[in-house]
Amino acid sequence: MIPTIDTDDVLLNALMTNSPDFIFVKDRQSRFVSINKPQTELLLGLHDPKEVIGKTDFDLFPGKESDSQRFFEEEQRIMESGQPVIHREWMVPNIKTGRNIWVSESKFPLRDKSGQIIGLLGVSRDITALKEAELQRDKLTRELQAIIDVAAMVGAILDPQILTEKIVESVHERFGFHYVGLFIVSQRGSLTERAGEYAYLRAGSGVSGQELLKRNQKLKAGGNSVIGQCIQSGCPSHVPDIRNSGLQPSNPLLPEIRSEIALPLASRQGTIGALLIQSNHENFFTERDISLLTVLAGQLASALENAFLYQQIDVELEQMKIAMKSYVRSGWDSYLGKGSK
């Protein structure tokens, strides 16, 4: 006599016992009927699957009501319609680590022998590493395109003041940074300061940028600020957490700023200024971000140098025109005898 095997139970037990994926079964009220150890331990931070049975996501994800509601509504929709969800990617909370993870999840309605839907089976896989790599690749592509677009946009502008404003506006909008400011090192001395002693804000984003321009904000080269250190060294200066840096705020009107970088605007004559970029999140800028933005700063410095050179040539040409007019007038006066008695 051939022994009978309940293949449904065997397959489900094999999956629940041996699969590294997260697997669960819920009833029509979205209460857990069965759950495997990977989901119990790695996702919920519990030790025994029996601790989960009879509970809902609202019980197991305290403080995550919006996520629990999202799970509940989808599961009820599946059980009411009979339509499964296949390989849907979304983020779910990980109670063990306190962080969100990406999962690829499928959910299938379960039917009894009469065909009535009595619950659902859920199977999901942690794809966080894969998804983060994909998101980083997409972010890199967008950043590179933004660098190309910004460099092309500002390259044709020859008025230095318009150029500085356009640089700040473009970097702020294209990259979505919280604050962007552009400082230029003073080239002329005065009775109160030496040439090159201070860097002056020439363009700033948002309301705070406009207010700092009205205040004629300046930061000392080599001073106790990220701008001052950047200009003195000629290298990028990065502050992952402003609260623990001991540096003076580069933007006193934005107390919510948590991290910042200053990128040197280097020309053939040296560092002519610095680009300030700030975020309201600590540890926001990665090494890759700094490398890419340093490349952008180099292109912006070239555009600024060309604009300053064009402005200088334009001034010299105007002075030459005035001198030529004076020379011609003097020549005609001499020819007509107006200059002699």
C-alpha atoms as a PDB file:
ATOM      1  CA  MET A   1       0.000   0.000   0.000  1.00  0.00           C
ATOM      2  CA  ILE A   2       1.396   3.369  -1.059  1.00  0.00           C
ATOM      3  CA  PRO A   3       1.487   5.792   1.905  1.00  0.00           C
ATOM      4  CA  THR A   4      -0.477   8.958   1.414  1.00  0.00           C
ATOM      5  CA  ILE A   5       1.355  12.264   1.700  1.00  0.00           C
ATOM      6  CA  ASP A   6      -0.327  15.611   2.159  1.00  0.00           C
ATOM      7  CA  THR A   7       1.902  17.392  -0.329  1.00  0.00           C
ATOM      8  CA  ASP A   8       0.501  20.813   0.571  1.00  0.00           C
ATOM      9  CA  ASP A   9       1.552  20.397   4.209  1.00  0.00           C
ATOM     10  CA  VAL A  10       4.908  18.907   3.251  1.00  0.00           C
ATOM     11  CA  LEU A  11       5.774  21.719   0.852  1.00  0.00           C
ATOM     12  CA  LEU A  12       4.677  24.431   3.262  1.00  0.00           C
ATOM     13  CA  ASN A  13       6.588  22.854   6.157  1.00  0.00           C
ATOM     14  CA  ALA A  14       9.694  22.500   3.987  1.00  0.00           C
ATOM     15  CA  LEU A  15       9.500  26.124   2.986  1.00  0.00           C
ATOM     16  CA  MET A  16       8.871  27.352   6.510  1.00  0.00           C
ATOM     17  CA  THR A  17      11.750  25.291   7.898  1.00  0.00           C
ATOM     18  CA  ASN A  18      14.456  25.650   5.258  1.00  0.00           C
ATOM     19  CA  SER A  19      13.919  28.845   3.270  1.00  0.00           C
ATOM     20  CA  PRO A  20      16.046  31.906   4.140  1.00  0.00           C
ATOM     21  CA  ASP A  21      13.201  34.118   2.871  1.00  0.00           C
ATOM     22  CA  PHE A  22      10.577  35.675   5.127  1.00  0.00           C
ATOM     23  CA  ILE A  23       7.421  33.506   5.020  1.00  0.00           C
ATOM     24  CA  PHE A  24       4.120  33.886   6.840  1.00  0.00           C
ATOM     25  CA  VAL A  25       0.479  32.812   6.681  1.00  0.00           C
ATOM     26  CA  LYS A  26      -2.365  35.072   7.842  1.00  0.00           C
ATOM     27  CA  ASP A  27      -6.104  34.555   8.293  1.00  0.00           C
ATOM     28  CA  ARG A  28      -8.880  36.768   6.910  1.00  0.00           C
ATOM     29  CA  GLN A  29      -8.367  39.291   9.730  1.00  0.00           C
ATOM     30  CA  SER A  30      -4.652  39.561   8.878  1.00  0.00           C
ATOM     31  CA  ARG A  31      -3.656  37.712  12.059  1.00  0.00           C
ATOM     32  CA  PHE A  32      -0.559  35.558  11.889  1.00  0.00           C
ATOM     33  CA  VAL A  33      -1.344  31.847  11.697  1.00  0.00           C
ATOM     34  CA  SER A  34       2.172  30.692  10.885  1.00  0.00           C
ATOM     35  CA  ILE A  35       5.582  32.364  10.441  1.00  0.00           C
ATOM     36  CA  ASN A  36       9.104  31.067   9.835  1.00  0.00           C
ATOM     37  CA  LYS A  37      12.176  31.717  11.987  1.00  0.00           C
ATOM     38  CA  PRO A  38      13.987  34.128   9.576  1.00  0.00           C
ATOM     39  CA  GLN A  39      11.069  36.572   9.668  1.00  0.00           C
ATOM     40  CA  THR A  40      10.582  36.071  13.401  1.00  0.00           C
ATOM     41  CA  GLU A  41      14.228  36.669  14.288  1.00  0.00           C
ATOM     42  CA  LEU A  42      15.616  38.926  11.560  1.00  0.00           C
ATOM     43  CA  LEU A  43      12.620  41.156  10.896  1.00  0.00           C
ATOM     44  CA  LEU A  44      10.640  41.155  14.141  1.00  0.00           C
ATOM     45  CA  GLY A  45      13.527  40.705  16.594  1.00  0.00           C
ATOM     46  CA  LEU A  46      11.796  37.816  18.413  1.00  0.00           C
ATOM     47  CA  HIS A  47      13.115  34.348  19.237  1.00  0.00           C
ATOM     48  CA  ASP A  48      10.155  31.992  18.997  1.00  0.00           C
ATOM     49  CA  PRO A  49       7.623  31.986  16.130  1.00  0.00           C
ATOM     50  CA  LYS A  50       4.955  31.081  18.684  1.00  0.00           C
ATOM     51  CA  GLU A  51       5.244  34.626  20.070  1.00  0.00           C
ATOM     52  CA  VAL A  52       3.805  35.943  16.796  1.00  0.00           C
ATOM     53  CA  ILE A  53       0.818  33.628  16.343  1.00  0.00           C
ATOM     54  CA  GLY A  54      -2.544  35.370  16.705  1.00  0.00           C
ATOM     55  CA  LYS A  55      -1.065  38.858  16.519  1.00  0.00           C
ATOM     56  CA  THR A  56      -1.342  41.470  13.776  1.00  0.00           C
ATOM     57  CA  ASP A  57       1.191  43.881  12.342  1.00  0.00           C
ATOM     58  CA  PHE A  58      -0.320  46.582  14.562  1.00  0.00           C
ATOM     59  CA  ASP A  59       0.781  44.496  17.577  1.00  0.00           C
ATOM     60  CA  LEU A  60       4.241  43.706  16.211  1.00  0.00           C
ATOM     61  CA  PHE A  61       5.232  47.098  14.788  1.00  0.00           C
ATOM     62  CA  PRO A  62       4.599  49.589  17.631  1.00  0.00           C
ATOM     63  CA  GLY A  63       4.929  53.185  16.516  1.00  0.00           C
ATOM     64  CA  LYS A  64       4.670  52.115  12.861  1.00  0.00           C
ATOM     65  CA  GLU A  65       0.910  52.466  12.445  1.00  0.00           C
ATOM     66  CA  SER A  66       1.157  53.837   8.909  1.00  0.00           C
ATOM     67  CA  ASP A  67       3.214  50.816   7.803  1.00  0.00           C
ATOM     68  CA  SER A  68       0.863  48.397   9.579  1.00  0.00           C
ATOM     69  CA  GLN A  69      -2.123  50.063   7.921  1.00  0.00           C
ATOM     70  CA  ARG A  70      -0.382  49.770   4.558  1.00  0.00           C
ATOM     71  CA  PHE A  71       0.149  46.022   5.048  1.00  0.00           C
ATOM     72  CA  PHE A  72      -3.400  45.482   6.306  1.00  0.00           C
ATOM     73  CA  GLU A  73      -5.088  47.320   3.435  1.00  0.00           C
ATOM     74  CA  GLU A  74      -3.104  45.446   0.793  1.00  0.00           C
ATOM     75  CA  GLU A  75      -3.786  42.051   2.371  1.00  0.00           C
ATOM     76  CA  GLN A  76      -7.504  42.717   2.682  1.00  0.00           C
ATOM     77  CA  ARG A  77      -7.564  43.818  -0.955  1.00  0.00           C
ATOM     78  CA  ILE A  78      -5.844  40.576  -2.025  1.00  0.00           C
ATOM     79  CA  MET A  79      -8.237  38.396  -0.034  1.00  0.00           C
ATOM     80  CA  GLU A  80     -11.305  40.254  -1.268  1.00  0.00           C
ATOM     81  CA  SER A  81     -10.287  40.251  -4.946  1.00  0.00           C
ATOM     82  CA  GLY A  82      -8.422  36.953  -5.088  1.00  0.00           C
ATOM     83  CA  GLN A  83      -5.653  38.663  -7.059  1.00  0.00           C
ATOM     84  CA  PRO A  84      -2.088  38.036  -5.827  1.00  0.00           C
ATOM     85  CA  VAL A  85       0.759  40.547  -5.666  1.00  0.00           C
ATOM     86  CA  ILE A  86       3.913  39.270  -7.355  1.00  0.00           C
ATOM     87  CA  HIS A  87       7.459  40.531  -6.678  1.00  0.00           C
ATOM     88  CA  ARG A  88       6.417  43.960  -5.484  1.00  0.00           C
ATOM     89  CA  GLU A  89       9.335  45.981  -4.137  1.00  0.00           C
ATOM     90  CA  TRP A  90       8.779  48.276  -1.174  1.00  0.00           C
ATOM     91  CA  MET A  91      10.273  49.300   2.144  1.00  0.00           C
ATOM     92  CA  VAL A  92       9.288  47.696   5.452  1.00  0.00           C
ATOM     93  CA  PRO A  93      10.444  48.401   9.021  1.00  0.00           C
ATOM     94  CA  ASN A  94      12.950  46.076  10.640  1.00  0.00           C
ATOM     95  CA  ILE A  95      12.131  45.965  14.355  1.00  0.00           C
ATOM     96  CA  LYS A  96      15.416  44.238  15.209  1.00  0.00           C
ATOM     97  CA  THR A  97      17.639  46.955  13.730  1.00  0.00           C
ATOM     98  CA  GLY A  98      15.259  49.913  13.915  1.00  0.00           C
ATOM     99  CA  ARG A  99      15.872  50.674  10.245  1.00  0.00           C
ATOM    100  CA  ASN A 100      13.814  50.218   7.082  1.00  0.00           C
ATOM    101  CA  ILE A 101      14.803  47.574   4.560  1.00  0.00           C
ATOM    102  CA  TRP A 102      13.845  46.885   0.964  1.00  0.00           C
ATOM    103  CA  VAL A 103      12.029  43.624   0.230  1.00  0.00           C
ATOM    104  CA  SER A 104      10.725  41.935  -2.883  1.00  0.00           C
ATOM    105  CA  GLU A 105       7.429  40.457  -1.738  1.00  0.00           C
ATOM    106  CA  SER A 106       4.726  38.214  -3.146  1.00  0.00           C
ATOM    107  CA  LYS A 107       1.370  37.546  -1.483  1.00  0.00           C
ATOM    108  CA  PHE A 108      -1.111  34.846  -2.577  1.00  0.00           C
ATOM    109  CA  PRO A 109      -4.700  34.244  -1.442  1.00  0.00           C
ATOM    110  CA  LEU A 110      -5.240  30.844   0.245  1.00  0.00           C
ATOM    111  CA  ARG A 111      -8.450  28.880  -0.415  1.00  0.00           C
ATOM    112  CA  ASP A 112     -10.118  25.990   1.373  1.00  0.00           C
ATOM    113  CA  LYS A 113     -11.396  22.886  -0.415  1.00  0.00           C
ATOM    114  CA  SER A 114     -14.623  24.655  -1.324  1.00  0.00           C
ATOM    115  CA  GLY A 115     -12.714  27.485  -2.996  1.00  0.00           C
ATOM    116  CA  GLN A 116     -13.401  30.085  -0.319  1.00  0.00           C
ATOM    117  CA  ILE A 117     -10.528  32.416   0.495  1.00  0.00           C
ATOM    118  CA  ILE A 118      -9.477  31.825   4.100  1.00  0.00           C
ATOM    119  CA  GLY A 119      -6.220  33.757   4.299  1.00  0.00           C
ATOM    120  CA  LEU A 120      -3.018  34.498   2.451  1.00  0.00           C
ATOM    121  CA  LEU A 121       0.576  33.374   2.109  1.00  0.00           C
ATOM    122  CA  GLY A 122       3.357  35.955   2.056  1.00  0.00           C
ATOM    123  CA  VAL A 123       6.912  35.387   0.838  1.00  0.00           C
ATOM    124  CA  SER A 124       9.499  38.160   0.809  1.00  0.00           C
ATOM    125  CA  ARG A 125      13.244  38.507   0.333  1.00  0.00           C
ATOM    126  CA  ASP A 126      15.596  41.161   1.679  1.00  0.00           C
ATOM    127  CA  ILE A 127      16.967  43.036  -1.355  1.00  0.00           C
ATOM    128  CA  THR A 128      18.337  46.034   0.546  1.00  0.00           C
ATOM    129  CA  ALA A 129      21.918  45.698  -0.677  1.00  0.00           C
ATOM    130  CA  LEU A 130      20.803  45.276  -4.290  1.00  0.00           C
ATOM    131  CA  LYS A 131      18.308  48.150  -4.095  1.00  0.00           C
ATOM    132  CA  GLU A 132      20.779  50.521  -2.447  1.00  0.00           C
ATOM    133  CA  ALA A 133      23.346  49.760  -5.158  1.00  0.00           C
ATOM    134  CA  GLU A 134      20.669  50.455  -7.787  1.00  0.00           C
ATOM    135  CA  LEU A 135      19.653  53.702  -6.102  1.00  0.00           C
ATOM    136  CA  GLN A 136      23.288  54.778  -5.781  1.00  0.00           C
ATOM    137  CA  ARG A 137      23.822  54.093  -9.478  1.00  0.00           C
ATOM    138  CA  ASP A 138      20.754  56.144 -10.390  1.00  0.00           C
ATOM    139  CA  LYS A 139      21.869  58.938  -8.037  1.00  0.00           C
ATOM    140  CA  LEU A 140      25.335  58.970  -9.619  1.00  0.00           C
ATOM    141  CA  THR A 141      23.796  59.185 -13.099  1.00  0.00           C
ATOM    142  CA  ARG A 142      21.598  62.127 -12.051  1.00  0.00           C
ATOM    143  CA  GLU A 143      24.511  63.910 -10.382  1.00  0.00           C
ATOM    144  CA  LEU A 144      26.778  63.519 -13.399  1.00  0.00           C
ATOM    145  CA  GLN A 145      24.051  64.843 -15.669  1.00  0.00           C
ATOM    146  CA  ALA A 146      23.468  67.735 -13.276  1.00  0.00           C
ATOM    147  CA  ILE A 147      27.182  68.585 -13.343  1.00  0.00           C
ATOM    148  CA  ILE A 148      27.157  68.600 -17.146  1.00  0.00           C
ATOM    149  CA  ASP A 149      24.006  70.735 -17.265  1.00  0.00           C
ATOM    150  CA  VAL A 150      25.203  73.269 -14.683  1.00  0.00           C
ATOM    151  CA  ALA A 151      28.632  73.612 -16.315  1.00  0.00           C
ATOM    152  CA  ALA A 152      27.048  74.135 -19.734  1.00  0.00           C
ATOM    153  CA  MET A 153      24.527  76.626 -18.342  1.00  0.00           C
ATOM    154  CA  VAL A 154      27.061  78.883 -16.626  1.00  0.00           C
ATOM    155  CA  GLY A 155      29.773  78.568 -19.251  1.00  0.00           C
ATOM    156  CA  ALA A 156      28.225  81.180 -21.545  1.00  0.00           C
ATOM    157  CA  ILE A 157      27.698  83.853 -18.844  1.00  0.00           C
ATOM    158  CA  LEU A 158      30.373  86.553 -18.809  1.00  0.00           C
ATOM    159  CA  ASP A 159      29.003  88.956 -16.204  1.00  0.00           C
ATOM    160  CA  PRO A 160      30.606  87.937 -12.856  1.00  0.00           C
ATOM    161  CA  GLN A 161      27.666  88.980 -10.666  1.00  0.00           C
ATOM    162  CA  ILE A 162      25.070  87.284 -12.871  1.00  0.00           C
ATOM    163  CA  LEU A 163      27.343  84.242 -13.039  1.00  0.00           C
ATOM    164  CA  THR A 164      27.708  83.872  -9.257  1.00  0.00           C
ATOM    165  CA  GLU A 165      23.945  84.144  -8.813  1.00  0.00           C
ATOM    166  CA  LYS A 166      23.313  81.597 -11.565  1.00  0.00           C
ATOM    167  CA  ILE A 167      25.848  79.167 -10.075  1.00  0.00           C
ATOM    168  CA  VAL A 168      24.139  79.230  -6.681  1.00  0.00           C
ATOM    169  CA  GLU A 169      20.656  78.992  -8.193  1.00  0.00           C
ATOM    170  CA  SER A 170      21.604  76.077 -10.474  1.00  0.00           C
ATOM    171  CA  VAL A 171      23.465  74.034  -7.838  1.00  0.00           C
ATOM    172  CA  HIS A 172      20.687  74.618  -5.299  1.00  0.00           C
ATOM    173  CA  GLU A 173      17.910  73.562  -7.672  1.00  0.00           C
ATOM    174  CA  ARG A 174      19.580  70.744  -9.599  1.00  0.00           C
ATOM    175  CA  PHE A 175      21.034  68.960  -6.564  1.00  0.00           C
ATOM    176  CA  GLY A 176      18.359  69.872  -4.026  1.00  0.00           C
ATOM    177  CA  PHE A 177      20.760  71.007  -1.301  1.00  0.00           C
ATOM    178  CA  HIS A 178      19.366  72.830   1.729  1.00  0.00           C
ATOM    179  CA  TYR A 179      21.615  75.866   1.304  1.00  0.00           C
ATOM    180  CA  VAL A 180      24.243  76.974  -1.226  1.00  0.00           C
ATOM    181  CA  GLY A 181      26.516  80.010  -0.955  1.00  0.00           C
ATOM    182  CA  LEU A 182      29.376  81.321  -3.071  1.00  0.00           C
ATOM    183  CA  PHE A 183      32.239  83.277  -1.512  1.00  0.00           C
ATOM    184  CA  ILE A 184      34.882  85.275  -3.391  1.00  0.00           C
ATOM    185  CA  VAL A 185      38.209  86.278  -1.827  1.00  0.00           C
ATOM    186  CA  SER A 186      38.754  90.041  -1.659  1.00  0.00           C
ATOM    187  CA  GLN A 187      41.436  91.158  -4.126  1.00  0.00           C
ATOM    188  CA  ARG A 188      41.903  94.708  -2.888  1.00  0.00           C
ATOM    189  CA  GLY A 189      43.101  95.845   0.495  1.00  0.00           C
ATOM    190  CA  SER A 190      41.734  98.727   2.571  1.00  0.00           C
ATOM    191  CA  LEU A 191      42.585 100.612   5.721  1.00  0.00           C
ATOM    192  CA  THR A 192      40.988  97.856   7.826  1.00  0.00           C
ATOM    193  CA  GLU A 193      41.948  94.641   5.995  1.00  0.00           C
ATOM    194  CA  ARG A 194      44.559  93.165   3.703  1.00  0.00           C
ATOM    195  CA  ALA A 195      43.889  91.873   0.206  1.00  0.00           C
ATOM    196  CA  GLY A 196      42.940  88.199   0.432  1.00  0.00           C
ATOM    197  CA  GLU A 197      42.233  88.376   4.173  1.00  0.00           C
ATOM    198  CA  TYR A 198      38.480  87.773   3.854  1.00  0.00           C
ATOM    199  CA  ALA A 199      36.091  85.950   1.566  1.00  0.00           C
ATOM    200  CA  TYR A 200      32.806  87.753   0.915  1.00  0.00           C
ATOM    201  CA  LEU A 201      29.462  86.122   0.171  1.00  0.00           C
ATOM    202  CA  ARG A 202      28.518  87.044  -3.411  1.00  0.00           C
ATOM    203  CA  ALA A 203      25.431  84.844  -3.830  1.00  0.00           C
ATOM    204  CA  GLY A 204      23.318  82.742  -1.458  1.00  0.00           C
ATOM    205  CA  SER A 205      20.207  80.622  -1.867  1.00  0.00           C
ATOM    206  CA  GLY A 206      16.862  81.347  -0.277  1.00  0.00           C
ATOM    207  CA  VAL A 207      15.758  84.035   2.132  1.00  0.00           C
ATOM    208  CA  SER A 208      18.734  83.488   4.437  1.00  0.00           C
ATOM    209  CA  GLY A 209      21.129  83.963   1.527  1.00  0.00           C
ATOM    210  CA  GLN A 210      19.526  87.283   0.626  1.00  0.00           C
ATOM    211  CA  GLU A 211      19.684  88.451   4.239  1.00  0.00           C
ATOM    212  CA  LEU A 212      23.364  87.524   4.558  1.00  0.00           C
ATOM    213  CA  LEU A 213      24.093  89.450   1.354  1.00  0.00           C
ATOM    214  CA  LYS A 214      22.436  92.509   2.886  1.00  0.00           C
ATOM    215  CA  ARG A 215      24.676  92.062   5.921  1.00  0.00           C
ATOM    216  CA  ASN A 216      27.731  91.844   3.637  1.00  0.00           C
ATOM    217  CA  GLN A 217      28.747  88.510   5.192  1.00  0.00           C
ATOM    218  CA  LYS A 218      32.474  87.823   5.216  1.00  0.00           C
ATOM    219  CA  LEU A 219      34.550  84.950   6.623  1.00  0.00           C
ATOM    220  CA  LYS A 220      38.240  85.159   7.367  1.00  0.00           C
ATOM    221  CA  ALA A 221      40.598  83.074   5.214  1.00  0.00           C
ATOM    222  CA  GLY A 222      42.184  80.549   7.545  1.00  0.00           C
ATOM    223  CA  GLY A 223      39.643  81.405  10.230  1.00  0.00           C
ATOM    224  CA  ASN A 224      37.433  79.158  12.348  1.00  0.00           C
ATOM    225  CA  SER A 225      34.931  78.258   9.624  1.00  0.00           C
ATOM    226  CA  VAL A 226      34.677  75.633   6.921  1.00  0.00           C
ATOM    227  CA  ILE A 227      35.041  78.390   4.297  1.00  0.00           C
ATOM    228  CA  GLY A 228      38.110  79.843   5.991  1.00  0.00           C
ATOM    229  CA  GLN A 229      39.823  76.460   6.190  1.00  0.00           C
ATOM    230  CA  CYS A 230      38.972  75.602   2.588  1.00  0.00           C
ATOM    231  CA  ILE A 231      40.374  78.866   1.225  1.00  0.00           C
ATOM    232  CA  GLN A 232      43.550  78.581   3.283  1.00  0.00           C
ATOM    233  CA  SER A 233      44.270  74.976   2.273  1.00  0.00           C
ATOM    234  CA  GLY A 234      42.904  75.093  -1.272  1.00  0.00           C
ATOM    235  CA  CYS A 235      41.263  71.718  -0.574  1.00  0.00           C
ATOM    236  CA  PRO A 236      37.689  70.621   0.162  1.00  0.00           C
ATOM    237  CA  SER A 237      36.704  71.040   3.814  1.00  0.00           C
ATOM    238  CA  HIS A 238      34.059  68.647   5.143  1.00  0.00           C
ATOM    239  CA  VAL A 239      32.157  68.842   8.434  1.00  0.00           C
ATOM    240  CA  PRO A 240      29.958  65.737   8.992  1.00  0.00           C
ATOM    241  CA  ASP A 241      28.315  67.158  12.137  1.00  0.00           C
ATOM    242  CA  ILE A 242      28.491  70.905  12.770  1.00  0.00           C
ATOM    243  CA  ARG A 243      27.388  70.523  16.398  1.00  0.00           C
ATOM    244  CA  ASN A 244      30.595  68.650  17.257  1.00  0.00           C
ATOM    245  CA  SER A 245      33.003  70.540  14.991  1.00  0.00           C
ATOM    246  CA  GLY A 246      33.810  73.568  17.110  1.00  0.00           C
ATOM    247  CA  LEU A 247      33.596  75.772  13.996  1.00  0.00           C
ATOM    248  CA  GLN A 248      31.594  78.964  13.736  1.00  0.00           C
ATOM    249  CA  PRO A 249      28.350  78.642  11.715  1.00  0.00           C
ATOM    250  CA  SER A 250      28.842  79.502   8.046  1.00  0.00           C
ATOM    251  CA  ASN A 251      25.165  80.471   7.959  1.00  0.00           C
ATOM    252  CA  PRO A 252      23.984  81.776  11.354  1.00  0.00           C
ATOM    253  CA  LEU A 253      20.452  82.184   9.980  1.00  0.00           C
ATOM    254  CA  LEU A 254      20.003  78.422   9.494  1.00  0.00           C
ATOM    255  CA  PRO A 255      20.415  76.767  12.922  1.00  0.00           C
ATOM    256  CA  GLU A 256      19.009  73.484  11.586  1.00  0.00           C
ATOM    257  CA  ILE A 257      22.097  72.889   9.408  1.00  0.00           C
ATOM    258  CA  ARG A 258      23.883  69.710  10.487  1.00  0.00           C
ATOM    259  CA  SER A 259      26.600  69.041   7.886  1.00  0.00           C
ATOM    260  CA  GLU A 260      28.452  71.103   5.303  1.00  0.00           C
ATOM    261  CA  ILE A 261      31.262  71.113   2.774  1.00  0.00           C
ATOM    262  CA  ALA A 262      33.276  73.950   1.273  1.00  0.00           C
ATOM    263  CA  LEU A 263      34.792  73.391  -2.154  1.00  0.00           C
ATOM    264  CA  PRO A 264      37.683  75.544  -3.391  1.00  0.00           C
ATOM    265  CA  LEU A 265      37.230  77.627  -6.514  1.00  0.00           C
ATOM    266  CA  ALA A 266      40.763  77.270  -7.816  1.00  0.00           C
ATOM    267  CA  SER A 267      42.145  79.255 -10.763  1.00  0.00           C
ATOM    268  CA  ARG A 268      45.592  79.650 -12.285  1.00  0.00           C
ATOM    269  CA  GLN A 269      46.242  82.461  -9.805  1.00  0.00           C
ATOM    270  CA  GLY A 270      45.230  80.376  -6.770  1.00  0.00           C
ATOM    271  CA  THR A 271      42.018  79.947  -4.770  1.00  0.00           C
ATOM    272  CA  ILE A 272      39.664  82.761  -5.737  1.00  0.00           C
ATOM    273  CA  GLY A 273      36.810  81.650  -3.501  1.00  0.00           C
ATOM    274  CA  ALA A 274      34.785  78.704  -2.230  1.00  0.00           C
ATOM    275  CA  LEU A 275      31.391  77.090  -2.795  1.00  0.00           C
ATOM    276  CA  LEU A 276      29.492  76.337   0.427  1.00  0.00           C
ATOM    277  CA  ILE A 277      26.955  73.491   0.428  1.00  0.00           C
ATOM    278  CA  GLN A 278      24.926  72.614   3.532  1.00  0.00           C
ATOM    279  CA  SER A 279      22.440  69.944   4.586  1.00  0.00           C
ATOM    280  CA  ASN A 280      20.061  69.695   7.531  1.00  0.00           C
ATOM    281  CA  HIS A 281      21.117  66.025   7.960  1.00  0.00           C
ATOM    282  CA  GLU A 282      24.308  64.965   9.691  1.00  0.00           C
ATOM    283  CA  ASN A 283      26.776  62.767   7.762  1.00  0.00           C
ATOM    284  CA  PHE A 284      24.929  63.727   4.577  1.00  0.00           C
ATOM    285  CA  PHE A 285      27.895  64.006   2.193  1.00  0.00           C
ATOM    286  CA  THR A 286      29.761  60.889   1.098  1.00  0.00           C
ATOM    287  CA  GLU A 287      33.308  60.742  -0.228  1.00  0.00           C
ATOM    288  CA  ARG A 288      31.873  60.206  -3.688  1.00  0.00           C
ATOM    289  CA  ASP A 289      29.691  63.307  -3.318  1.00  0.00           C
ATOM    290  CA  ILE A 290      32.735  65.362  -2.368  1.00  0.00           C
ATOM    291  CA  SER A 291      34.738  64.040  -5.332  1.00  0.00           C
ATOM    292  CA  LEU A 292      31.951  64.826  -7.811  1.00  0.00           C
ATOM    293  CA  LEU A 293      31.275  68.266  -6.379  1.00  0.00           C
ATOM    294  CA  THR A 294      34.990  69.067  -6.414  1.00  0.00           C
ATOM    295  CA  VAL A 295      34.974  68.412 -10.159  1.00  0.00           C
ATOM    296  CA  LEU A 296      31.969  70.722 -10.507  1.00  0.00           C
ATOM    297  CA  ALA A 297      33.691  73.418  -8.423  1.00  0.00           C
ATOM    298  CA  GLY A 298      36.687  73.256 -10.754  1.00  0.00           C
ATOM    299  CA  GLN A 299      34.465  73.884 -13.764  1.00  0.00           C
ATOM    300  CA  LEU A 300      32.693  76.740 -11.987  1.00  0.00           C
ATOM    301  CA  ALA A 301      36.040  78.292 -11.047  1.00  0.00           C
ATOM    302  CA  SER A 302      37.073  78.266 -14.714  1.00  0.00           C
ATOM    303  CA  ALA A 303      33.821  79.983 -15.682  1.00  0.00           C
ATOM    304  CA  LEU A 304      34.334  82.616 -12.971  1.00  0.00           C
ATOM    305  CA  GLU A 305      37.941  83.215 -13.995  1.00  0.00           C
ATOM    306  CA  ASN A 306      36.864  83.715 -17.603  1.00  0.00           C
ATOM    307  CA  ALA A 307      34.138  86.131 -16.491  1.00  0.00           C
ATOM    308  CA  PHE A 308      36.551  88.145 -14.334  1.00  0.00           C
ATOM    309  CA  LEU A 309      39.067  88.211 -17.184  1.00  0.00           C
ATOM    310  CA  TYR A 310      36.381  89.339 -19.634  1.00  0.00           C
ATOM    311  CA  GLN A 311      35.294  92.048 -17.196  1.00  0.00           C
ATOM    312  CA  GLN A 312      38.891  93.244 -16.822  1.00  0.00           C
ATOM    313  CA  ILE A 313      39.419  93.314 -20.572  1.00  0.00           C
ATOM    314  CA  ASP A 314      36.109  95.139 -20.998  1.00  0.00           C
ATOM    315  CA  VAL A 315      37.183  97.765 -18.447  1.00  0.00           C
ATOM    316  CA  GLU A 316      40.582  98.150 -20.104  1.00  0.00           C
ATOM    317  CA  LEU A 317      38.960  98.536 -23.538  1.00  0.00           C
ATOM    318  CA  GLU A 318      36.633 101.204 -22.181  1.00  0.00           C
ATOM    319  CA  GLN A 319      39.580 103.014 -20.636  1.00  0.00           C
ATOM    320  CA  MET A 320      41.432 102.729 -23.949  1.00  0.00           C
ATOM    321  CA  LYS A 321      38.450 104.195 -25.805  1.00  0.00           C
ATOM    322  CA  ILE A 322      38.341 107.133 -23.414  1.00  0.00           C
ATOM    323  CA  ALA A 323      42.093 107.663 -23.820  1.00  0.00           C
ATOM    324  CA  MET A 324      41.837 107.451 -27.628  1.00  0.00           C
ATOM    325  CA  LYS A 325      38.970 109.976 -27.672  1.00  0.00           C
ATOM    326  CA  SER A 326      41.025 112.329 -25.526  1.00  0.00           C
ATOM    327  CA  TYR A 327      44.056 111.839 -27.773  1.00  0.00           C
ATOM    328  CA  VAL A 328      42.064 112.464 -30.953  1.00  0.00           C
ATOM    329  CA  ARG A 329      40.385 115.524 -29.464  1.00  0.00           C
ATOM    330  CA  SER A 330      43.753 116.850 -28.343  1.00  0.00           C
ATOM    331  CA  GLY A 331      45.128 116.250 -31.847  1.00  0.00           C
ATOM    332  CA  TRP A 332      42.287 118.117 -33.525  1.00  0.00           C
ATOM    333  CA  ASP A 333      42.559 120.960 -31.053  1.00  0.00           C
ATOM    334  CA  SER A 334      46.242 121.235 -31.811  1.00  0.00           C
ATOM    335  CA  TYR A 335      45.577 121.083 -35.577  1.00  0.00           C
ATOM    336  CA  LEU A 336      42.934 123.799 -35.368  1.00  0.00           C
ATOM    337  CA  GLY A 337      45.180 125.941 -33.214  1.00  0.00           C
ATOM    338  CA  LYS A 338      42.905 125.865 -30.206  1.00  0.00           C
ATOM    339  CA  GLY A 339      45.707 124.834 -27.961  1.00  0.00           C
ATOM    340  CA  SER A 340      48.079 127.709 -28.877  1.00  0.00           C
ATOM    341  CA  LYS A 341      47.950 131.503 -28.486  1.00  0.00           C
END
